[in-house]
Structures are given as structure tokens and as C-alpha cells.
């Protein structure tokens, strides 16, 4: 039996819950949370989020860390892309005279291919 391999040290991970920064450093983070909340309440900020979805991708984790409920402009369902217009139907293959049909595939070559296994050679006879 081999001795067990030593485990690599685990890298610490940050918490992921709602308002986790507030729980770690309540006094320092509360001011930042309040400022973020007031910033998100501005009408210009809602226009910026609507114009640049990347701003929403940056602000949503910050809201979650600081315990700020995101405004409607930051909710994922409001950021869905608009429905695409339906594509026009493709013309039938015979209707397209500018492009001739594809040629048929080439015929297979005669003889065994490289994928065929050959029988094993018999061992030499003993003298």
C-alpha cells in the first residue's frame, strides 16, 4: 500500500450570501450600501443600465454583497434581449437556378482500406 498523498491546501472562498459584506464589516459597508442605494434610485442610472447591460452585470453582484435590493432595471427578466423578427422562409432547392445542386460524393476506392485488420503471421516453424 502506498502512503496517502498530501492534499493541496484549499484556497479560501468568499461568502456568497445576500449582504455578506455587511455581516463581516457592518459599519464600514453600511455607508457604501447606502450610497449605492441612492445612486441606483437616480433616473440617469436607470437610463445607463438600459443603454449598457454590462453595467447591470457589474452592479448586481455589488448589490448582493452589500444587501441592496436591486431596482427593476437590474432584474434579469428586464434585461432579456428583444424578440428577434421571424426569418423569411427559405426558397425550395429547385427554385434557386443561380446555384446548381451539389455533385454526388465520389465512389469508394477499391481494395481494403487502412482500417482493415490483417491476420496475424504464424510463428516460424521450429527446425
N, C-alpha and C. Protein backbone atom coordinates (compact mmCIF):
# COMPACT_ATOMS: atom_id res chain seq x y z
N UNK A 1 0.83 -1.20 0.00
CA UNK A 1 0.00 0.00 0.00
C UNK A 1 0.87 1.26 0.00
N UNK A 2 0.44 2.21 -0.78
CA UNK A 2 1.16 3.49 -0.85
C UNK A 2 0.70 4.41 0.27
N UNK A 3 1.60 5.27 0.71
CA UNK A 3 1.16 6.26 1.71
C UNK A 3 0.24 7.27 1.02
N UNK A 4 -0.72 7.82 1.74
CA UNK A 4 -1.65 8.78 1.12
C UNK A 4 -0.90 10.04 0.67
N UNK A 5 -1.35 10.57 -0.46
CA UNK A 5 -0.73 11.79 -0.97
C UNK A 5 -1.19 12.97 -0.13
N UNK A 6 -0.29 13.90 0.12
CA UNK A 6 -0.71 15.09 0.87
C UNK A 6 -1.67 15.92 0.03
N UNK A 7 -2.69 16.44 0.67
CA UNK A 7 -3.68 17.26 -0.03
C UNK A 7 -3.15 18.67 -0.23
N UNK A 8 -3.51 19.22 -1.35
CA UNK A 8 -3.14 20.61 -1.61
C UNK A 8 -3.99 21.50 -0.71
N UNK A 9 -3.44 22.58 -0.22
CA UNK A 9 -4.24 23.46 0.65
C UNK A 9 -5.37 24.09 -0.16
N UNK A 10 -6.54 24.13 0.45
CA UNK A 10 -7.70 24.72 -0.22
C UNK A 10 -7.61 26.24 -0.18
N UNK A 11 -7.93 26.83 -1.29
CA UNK A 11 -7.92 28.29 -1.32
C UNK A 11 -9.20 28.79 -0.67
N UNK A 12 -9.10 29.79 0.17
CA UNK A 12 -10.32 30.29 0.83
C UNK A 12 -11.24 30.94 -0.20
N UNK A 13 -12.53 30.74 -0.01
CA UNK A 13 -13.52 31.33 -0.91
C UNK A 13 -14.33 32.38 -0.15
N UNK A 14 -14.72 33.39 -0.87
CA UNK A 14 -15.54 34.43 -0.27
C UNK A 14 -16.96 33.91 -0.07
N UNK A 15 -17.66 34.42 0.94
CA UNK A 15 -19.06 34.03 1.12
C UNK A 15 -19.89 34.48 -0.08
N UNK A 16 -21.05 33.88 -0.24
CA UNK A 16 -21.89 34.21 -1.39
C UNK A 16 -23.27 34.71 -1.02
N UNK A 17 -23.62 34.74 0.22
CA UNK A 17 -24.98 35.09 0.62
C UNK A 17 -25.30 36.56 0.44
N UNK A 18 -26.57 36.88 0.59
CA UNK A 18 -27.04 38.26 0.49
C UNK A 18 -26.50 39.06 1.67
N UNK A 19 -25.91 40.20 1.42
CA UNK A 19 -25.38 41.14 2.43
C UNK A 19 -24.23 40.54 3.24
N UNK A 20 -23.39 39.73 2.62
CA UNK A 20 -22.31 39.11 3.38
C UNK A 20 -21.26 40.11 3.82
N UNK A 21 -21.05 41.18 3.07
CA UNK A 21 -20.07 42.20 3.48
C UNK A 21 -20.57 42.93 4.71
N UNK A 22 -21.87 43.17 4.78
CA UNK A 22 -22.45 43.87 5.93
C UNK A 22 -22.24 43.03 7.20
N UNK A 23 -22.34 41.71 7.07
CA UNK A 23 -22.14 40.86 8.25
C UNK A 23 -20.68 40.86 8.69
N UNK A 24 -19.74 41.00 7.75
CA UNK A 24 -18.32 40.98 8.13
C UNK A 24 -17.85 42.31 8.70
N UNK A 25 -18.17 43.39 8.02
CA UNK A 25 -17.75 44.72 8.47
C UNK A 25 -18.96 45.66 8.43
N UNK A 26 -19.83 45.58 9.41
CA UNK A 26 -21.11 46.30 9.33
C UNK A 26 -20.96 47.81 9.21
N UNK A 27 -20.10 48.42 10.00
CA UNK A 27 -20.04 49.88 10.00
C UNK A 27 -19.45 50.40 8.69
N UNK A 28 -18.38 49.79 8.22
CA UNK A 28 -17.72 50.26 7.00
C UNK A 28 -18.57 50.03 5.76
N UNK A 29 -19.26 48.92 5.69
CA UNK A 29 -20.01 48.59 4.48
C UNK A 29 -21.38 49.25 4.44
N UNK A 30 -21.92 49.63 5.58
CA UNK A 30 -23.26 50.23 5.60
C UNK A 30 -23.29 51.55 4.83
N UNK A 31 -22.24 52.33 4.94
CA UNK A 31 -22.18 53.60 4.20
C UNK A 31 -22.14 53.36 2.69
N UNK A 32 -21.37 52.36 2.28
CA UNK A 32 -21.29 52.05 0.84
C UNK A 32 -22.63 51.54 0.34
N UNK A 33 -23.31 50.74 1.13
CA UNK A 33 -24.62 50.22 0.72
C UNK A 33 -25.61 51.37 0.56
N UNK A 34 -25.57 52.32 1.47
CA UNK A 34 -26.49 53.46 1.39
C UNK A 34 -26.20 54.30 0.15
N UNK A 35 -24.93 54.53 -0.14
CA UNK A 35 -24.58 55.32 -1.32
C UNK A 35 -24.99 54.60 -2.61
N UNK A 36 -24.80 53.29 -2.65
CA UNK A 36 -25.20 52.52 -3.83
C UNK A 36 -26.71 52.58 -4.01
N UNK A 37 -27.44 52.48 -2.92
CA UNK A 37 -28.90 52.53 -2.99
C UNK A 37 -29.38 53.87 -3.56
N UNK A 38 -28.78 54.96 -3.11
CA UNK A 38 -29.16 56.28 -3.62
C UNK A 38 -28.75 56.45 -5.08
N UNK A 39 -27.60 55.91 -5.45
CA UNK A 39 -27.15 56.00 -6.83
C UNK A 39 -28.10 55.25 -7.76
N UNK A 40 -28.54 54.08 -7.34
CA UNK A 40 -29.44 53.28 -8.17
C UNK A 40 -30.84 53.89 -8.26
N UNK A 41 -31.20 54.76 -7.33
CA UNK A 41 -32.52 55.41 -7.36
C UNK A 41 -32.56 56.57 -8.36
N UNK A 42 -31.42 57.03 -8.84
CA UNK A 42 -31.37 58.14 -9.79
C UNK A 42 -31.92 57.71 -11.15
N UNK A 43 -32.72 58.56 -11.81
CA UNK A 43 -33.25 58.21 -13.14
C UNK A 43 -32.14 58.05 -14.19
N UNK A 44 -31.06 58.84 -14.06
CA UNK A 44 -29.97 58.72 -15.02
C UNK A 44 -29.30 57.34 -14.94
N UNK A 45 -29.27 56.78 -13.75
CA UNK A 45 -28.65 55.46 -13.57
C UNK A 45 -29.50 54.39 -14.25
N UNK A 46 -30.82 54.51 -14.17
CA UNK A 46 -31.70 53.56 -14.85
C UNK A 46 -31.50 53.64 -16.36
N UNK A 47 -31.30 54.85 -16.88
CA UNK A 47 -31.05 55.01 -18.32
C UNK A 47 -29.72 54.39 -18.70
N UNK A 48 -28.70 54.55 -17.85
CA UNK A 48 -27.40 53.96 -18.13
C UNK A 48 -27.48 52.43 -18.15
N UNK A 49 -28.21 51.86 -17.21
CA UNK A 49 -28.34 50.40 -17.15
C UNK A 49 -29.08 49.89 -18.38
N UNK A 50 -30.09 50.63 -18.83
CA UNK A 50 -30.84 50.21 -20.02
C UNK A 50 -29.97 50.31 -21.27
N UNK A 51 -29.10 51.32 -21.32
CA UNK A 51 -28.26 51.51 -22.50
C UNK A 51 -27.06 50.56 -22.52
N UNK A 52 -26.55 50.21 -21.35
CA UNK A 52 -25.35 49.36 -21.28
C UNK A 52 -25.60 48.20 -20.33
N UNK A 53 -25.98 47.04 -20.85
CA UNK A 53 -26.25 45.89 -19.98
C UNK A 53 -25.03 45.44 -19.17
N UNK A 54 -23.83 45.77 -19.61
CA UNK A 54 -22.65 45.39 -18.83
C UNK A 54 -22.63 46.09 -17.48
N UNK A 55 -23.24 47.27 -17.40
CA UNK A 55 -23.32 47.96 -16.10
C UNK A 55 -24.15 47.13 -15.13
N UNK A 56 -25.22 46.52 -15.63
CA UNK A 56 -26.04 45.66 -14.77
C UNK A 56 -25.28 44.44 -14.30
N UNK A 57 -24.46 43.86 -15.18
CA UNK A 57 -23.68 42.68 -14.79
C UNK A 57 -22.64 43.02 -13.73
N UNK A 58 -22.22 44.28 -13.69
CA UNK A 58 -21.27 44.71 -12.66
C UNK A 58 -21.98 45.08 -11.35
N UNK A 59 -23.17 45.66 -11.47
CA UNK A 59 -23.86 46.16 -10.28
C UNK A 59 -24.62 45.09 -9.52
N UNK A 60 -25.14 44.07 -10.20
CA UNK A 60 -25.92 43.04 -9.49
C UNK A 60 -25.12 42.34 -8.40
N UNK A 61 -23.87 41.89 -8.64
CA UNK A 61 -23.12 41.27 -7.54
C UNK A 61 -22.82 42.26 -6.41
N UNK A 62 -22.60 43.51 -6.77
CA UNK A 62 -22.33 44.52 -5.74
C UNK A 62 -23.56 44.73 -4.86
N UNK A 63 -24.73 44.75 -5.47
CA UNK A 63 -25.97 44.87 -4.69
C UNK A 63 -26.12 43.67 -3.75
N UNK A 64 -25.85 42.48 -4.25
CA UNK A 64 -25.99 41.27 -3.43
C UNK A 64 -25.00 41.30 -2.27
N UNK A 65 -23.77 41.72 -2.52
CA UNK A 65 -22.76 41.77 -1.46
C UNK A 65 -23.13 42.76 -0.36
N UNK A 66 -23.67 43.91 -0.78
CA UNK A 66 -23.95 44.97 0.19
C UNK A 66 -25.37 44.93 0.75
N UNK A 67 -26.17 43.99 0.30
CA UNK A 67 -27.52 43.87 0.83
C UNK A 67 -28.49 44.89 0.31
N UNK A 68 -28.28 45.38 -0.90
CA UNK A 68 -29.17 46.36 -1.52
C UNK A 68 -30.09 45.61 -2.47
N UNK A 69 -31.39 45.80 -2.31
CA UNK A 69 -32.34 45.18 -3.24
C UNK A 69 -32.22 45.89 -4.58
N UNK A 70 -31.93 45.16 -5.65
CA UNK A 70 -31.73 45.83 -6.94
C UNK A 70 -33.03 46.42 -7.48
N UNK A 71 -32.94 47.55 -8.17
CA UNK A 71 -34.15 48.15 -8.76
C UNK A 71 -34.63 47.29 -9.93
N UNK A 72 -35.84 47.53 -10.41
CA UNK A 72 -36.37 46.73 -11.53
C UNK A 72 -35.48 46.74 -12.77
N UNK A 73 -34.74 47.82 -12.99
CA UNK A 73 -33.88 47.89 -14.17
C UNK A 73 -32.75 46.86 -14.10
N UNK A 74 -32.41 46.38 -12.90
CA UNK A 74 -31.31 45.42 -12.74
C UNK A 74 -31.77 43.98 -12.66
N UNK A 75 -33.07 43.73 -12.63
CA UNK A 75 -33.52 42.35 -12.52
C UNK A 75 -33.28 41.63 -13.85
N UNK A 76 -32.88 40.37 -13.81
CA UNK A 76 -32.53 39.68 -15.05
C UNK A 76 -33.66 39.59 -16.07
N UNK A 77 -34.93 39.48 -15.64
CA UNK A 77 -36.00 39.37 -16.62
C UNK A 77 -36.18 40.66 -17.42
N UNK A 78 -35.79 41.81 -16.84
CA UNK A 78 -35.91 43.05 -17.60
C UNK A 78 -34.75 43.24 -18.56
N UNK A 79 -33.72 42.40 -18.48
CA UNK A 79 -32.55 42.53 -19.34
C UNK A 79 -32.56 41.55 -20.51
N UNK A 80 -33.67 40.83 -20.71
CA UNK A 80 -33.72 39.88 -21.82
C UNK A 80 -33.66 40.65 -23.14
N UNK A 81 -32.96 40.09 -24.14
CA UNK A 81 -32.91 40.77 -25.43
C UNK A 81 -34.28 40.75 -26.10
N UNK A 82 -34.55 41.72 -26.95
CA UNK A 82 -35.85 41.75 -27.61
C UNK A 82 -36.01 40.54 -28.52
N UNK A 83 -37.26 40.17 -28.74
CA UNK A 83 -37.55 39.02 -29.60
C UNK A 83 -37.06 39.32 -31.01
N UNK A 84 -36.40 38.35 -31.61
CA UNK A 84 -35.92 38.52 -32.98
C UNK A 84 -37.09 38.37 -33.95
N UNK A 85 -37.03 39.11 -35.03
CA UNK A 85 -38.06 39.01 -36.05
C UNK A 85 -37.96 37.63 -36.72
N UNK A 86 -39.08 37.04 -37.09
CA UNK A 86 -39.01 35.71 -37.73
C UNK A 86 -38.28 35.80 -39.06
N UNK A 87 -37.51 34.77 -39.35
CA UNK A 87 -36.76 34.73 -40.60
C UNK A 87 -37.70 34.40 -41.75
N UNK A 88 -37.41 34.95 -42.92
CA UNK A 88 -38.24 34.58 -44.07
C UNK A 88 -37.97 33.13 -44.45
N UNK A 89 -38.97 32.50 -45.05
CA UNK A 89 -38.84 31.09 -45.43
C UNK A 89 -37.79 30.97 -46.53
N UNK A 90 -37.02 29.89 -46.48
CA UNK A 90 -36.00 29.66 -47.50
C UNK A 90 -36.66 29.13 -48.76
N UNK A 91 -36.17 29.54 -49.93
CA UNK A 91 -36.76 29.03 -51.16
C UNK A 91 -36.42 27.55 -51.33
N UNK A 92 -37.26 26.85 -52.06
CA UNK A 92 -37.02 25.44 -52.31
C UNK A 92 -35.74 25.28 -53.13
N UNK A 93 -35.12 24.11 -53.06
CA UNK A 93 -33.85 23.88 -53.75
C UNK A 93 -34.01 24.01 -55.26
N UNK A 94 -35.14 23.61 -55.80
CA UNK A 94 -35.33 23.69 -57.25
C UNK A 94 -35.57 25.13 -57.70
N UNK A 95 -35.99 25.99 -56.80
CA UNK A 95 -36.29 27.37 -57.17
C UNK A 95 -35.04 28.22 -57.31
N UNK A 96 -33.93 27.74 -56.87
CA UNK A 96 -32.69 28.53 -56.90
C UNK A 96 -31.89 28.13 -58.13
N UNK A 97 -32.10 28.80 -59.26
CA UNK A 97 -31.43 28.44 -60.50
C UNK A 97 -30.00 28.95 -60.53
N UNK A 98 -29.67 29.94 -59.74
CA UNK A 98 -28.32 30.51 -59.77
C UNK A 98 -27.29 29.54 -59.20
N UNK A 99 -27.71 28.62 -58.34
CA UNK A 99 -26.78 27.67 -57.73
C UNK A 99 -27.17 26.25 -58.14
N UNK A 100 -26.32 25.59 -58.91
CA UNK A 100 -26.65 24.20 -59.28
C UNK A 100 -26.55 23.29 -58.07
N UNK A 101 -27.20 22.12 -58.13
CA UNK A 101 -27.14 21.20 -57.00
C UNK A 101 -25.72 20.68 -56.80
N UNK A 102 -25.43 20.25 -55.60
CA UNK A 102 -24.10 19.72 -55.28
C UNK A 102 -23.86 18.43 -56.06
N UNK A 103 -22.60 18.20 -56.48
CA UNK A 103 -22.30 16.95 -57.18
C UNK A 103 -22.38 15.78 -56.21
N UNK A 104 -22.60 14.57 -56.73
CA UNK A 104 -22.66 13.40 -55.84
C UNK A 104 -21.30 13.12 -55.23
N UNK A 105 -21.24 12.45 -54.09
CA UNK A 105 -19.95 12.16 -53.47
C UNK A 105 -19.16 11.17 -54.33
N UNK A 106 -17.83 11.19 -54.24
CA UNK A 106 -17.03 10.28 -55.06
C UNK A 106 -17.25 8.83 -54.64
N UNK A 107 -17.07 7.93 -55.61
CA UNK A 107 -17.25 6.50 -55.34
C UNK A 107 -16.11 6.00 -54.45
N UNK A 108 -16.34 5.01 -53.60
CA UNK A 108 -15.26 4.49 -52.75
C UNK A 108 -14.19 3.82 -53.59
N UNK A 109 -12.94 3.89 -53.14
CA UNK A 109 -11.82 3.28 -53.86
C UNK A 109 -11.84 1.77 -53.65
N UNK A 110 -11.40 1.01 -54.66
CA UNK A 110 -11.36 -0.44 -54.50
C UNK A 110 -10.23 -0.87 -53.58
N UNK A 111 -10.37 -2.03 -53.00
CA UNK A 111 -9.32 -2.58 -52.15
C UNK A 111 -9.56 -2.29 -50.69
N UNK A 112 -8.89 -3.04 -49.83
CA UNK A 112 -9.07 -2.82 -48.40
C UNK A 112 -8.44 -1.49 -47.98
N UNK A 113 -9.10 -0.84 -47.10
CA UNK A 113 -8.58 0.42 -46.60
C UNK A 113 -7.63 0.19 -45.43
N UNK A 114 -7.08 1.25 -44.89
CA UNK A 114 -6.13 1.10 -43.78
C UNK A 114 -6.82 0.63 -42.50
N UNK A 115 -8.14 0.67 -42.48
CA UNK A 115 -8.85 0.29 -41.26
C UNK A 115 -9.07 -1.22 -41.17
N UNK A 116 -8.75 -1.96 -42.23
CA UNK A 116 -8.97 -3.41 -42.23
C UNK A 116 -7.84 -4.09 -41.47
N UNK A 117 -8.17 -4.97 -40.55
CA UNK A 117 -7.15 -5.69 -39.79
C UNK A 117 -6.66 -6.87 -40.62
N UNK A 118 -5.40 -7.04 -40.68
CA UNK A 118 -4.81 -8.16 -41.41
C UNK A 118 -4.60 -9.30 -40.43
N UNK A 119 -4.66 -10.56 -40.90
CA UNK A 119 -4.44 -11.69 -40.00
C UNK A 119 -3.01 -11.70 -39.47
N UNK A 120 -2.84 -12.17 -38.27
CA UNK A 120 -1.51 -12.24 -37.66
C UNK A 120 -0.68 -13.31 -38.38
N UNK A 121 0.63 -13.07 -38.46
CA UNK A 121 1.51 -14.06 -39.07
C UNK A 121 1.70 -15.22 -38.14
N UNK A 122 1.81 -16.39 -38.74
CA UNK A 122 2.07 -17.56 -37.90
C UNK A 122 3.54 -17.60 -37.50
N UNK A 123 3.85 -18.11 -36.32
CA UNK A 123 5.25 -18.14 -35.88
C UNK A 123 6.07 -19.07 -36.80
N UNK A 124 7.36 -18.79 -36.93
CA UNK A 124 8.21 -19.65 -37.79
C UNK A 124 8.27 -21.07 -37.24
N UNK A 125 8.35 -22.00 -38.17
CA UNK A 125 8.41 -23.41 -37.77
C UNK A 125 9.75 -23.72 -37.14
N UNK A 126 9.72 -24.57 -36.10
CA UNK A 126 10.97 -24.96 -35.41
C UNK A 126 11.73 -25.97 -36.28
N UNK A 127 13.04 -25.83 -36.39
CA UNK A 127 13.83 -26.73 -37.24
C UNK A 127 14.38 -27.89 -36.48
